[in-house]
């Protein structure tokens, strides 16, 4: 009997899904997108955020809390 496969993480998210995934509100994520810090992509008129784009953004954040 074959072992069940582990679920794969999504490759792309809606704004709401992406916000939930990184622990912020959708409105905060909209602000980040508007600043140009994260670039959305489009599929058939639907805006998506790739997992790669989200990880790159998270990796660019400072380690220390701003004063």
Protein backbone atom coordinates (compact mmCIF):
# COMPACT_ATOMS: atom_id res chain seq x y z
CA UNK A 1 0.00 0.00 0.00
CA UNK A 2 1.37 3.40 -0.99
CA UNK A 3 1.97 6.02 1.66
CA UNK A 4 -0.29 9.06 1.48
CA UNK A 5 1.33 12.18 0.11
CA UNK A 6 1.81 15.16 2.37
CA UNK A 7 -0.26 18.15 1.29
CA UNK A 8 1.71 20.67 -0.73
CA UNK A 9 1.69 24.32 0.27
CA UNK A 10 -0.04 26.62 -2.22
CA UNK A 11 2.03 28.20 -4.98
CA UNK A 12 -0.18 31.31 -5.02
CA UNK A 13 -2.71 33.03 -2.80
CA UNK A 14 -5.51 35.56 -2.99
CA UNK A 15 -4.90 38.72 -0.97
CA UNK A 16 -7.06 37.41 1.87
CA UNK A 17 -5.32 34.01 1.86
CA UNK A 18 -1.87 35.61 1.72
CA UNK A 19 -2.69 37.95 4.60
CA UNK A 20 -3.88 35.00 6.69
CA UNK A 21 -0.76 33.01 5.77
CA UNK A 22 1.61 35.72 7.02
CA UNK A 23 -0.52 36.83 9.97
CA UNK A 24 -1.62 40.32 8.97
CA UNK A 25 -4.92 41.87 7.90
CA UNK A 26 -5.94 42.02 4.26
CA UNK A 27 -6.06 45.83 4.47
CA UNK A 28 -2.45 45.94 5.73
CA UNK A 29 -1.42 43.68 2.86
CA UNK A 30 -3.24 45.99 0.43
CA UNK A 31 -1.10 48.86 1.79
CA UNK A 32 2.07 46.81 1.25
CA UNK A 33 0.98 46.07 -2.33
CA UNK A 34 0.14 49.75 -2.95
CA UNK A 35 3.66 50.74 -1.77
CA UNK A 36 5.08 48.33 -4.34
CA UNK A 37 6.73 46.06 -1.76
CA UNK A 38 4.88 43.02 -3.12
CA UNK A 39 3.94 42.72 -6.79
CA UNK A 40 0.72 40.88 -7.57
CA UNK A 41 0.27 38.79 -10.69
CA UNK A 42 -2.89 38.17 -12.67
CA UNK A 43 -4.60 34.99 -13.86
CA UNK A 44 -7.76 35.48 -15.94
CA UNK A 45 -8.51 38.77 -14.21
CA UNK A 46 -7.86 37.41 -10.71
CA UNK A 47 -5.06 39.02 -8.69
CA UNK A 48 -2.75 36.53 -6.98
CA UNK A 49 0.35 36.72 -4.84
CA UNK A 50 2.91 34.00 -5.39
CA UNK A 51 4.45 32.13 -2.48
CA UNK A 52 7.88 33.10 -3.84
CA UNK A 53 6.94 36.81 -3.78
CA UNK A 54 5.62 36.53 -0.22
CA UNK A 55 8.74 34.70 0.98
CA UNK A 56 11.01 37.27 -0.68
CA UNK A 57 9.09 40.07 1.05
CA UNK A 58 9.30 38.35 4.43
CA UNK A 59 13.02 37.73 3.96
CA UNK A 60 13.53 41.45 3.24
CA UNK A 61 12.06 42.54 6.57
CA UNK A 62 14.39 43.72 9.34
CA UNK A 63 15.17 41.47 12.29
CA UNK A 64 15.00 44.32 14.79
CA UNK A 65 11.87 46.22 15.75
CA UNK A 66 11.95 49.78 14.40
CA UNK A 67 12.16 52.48 17.03
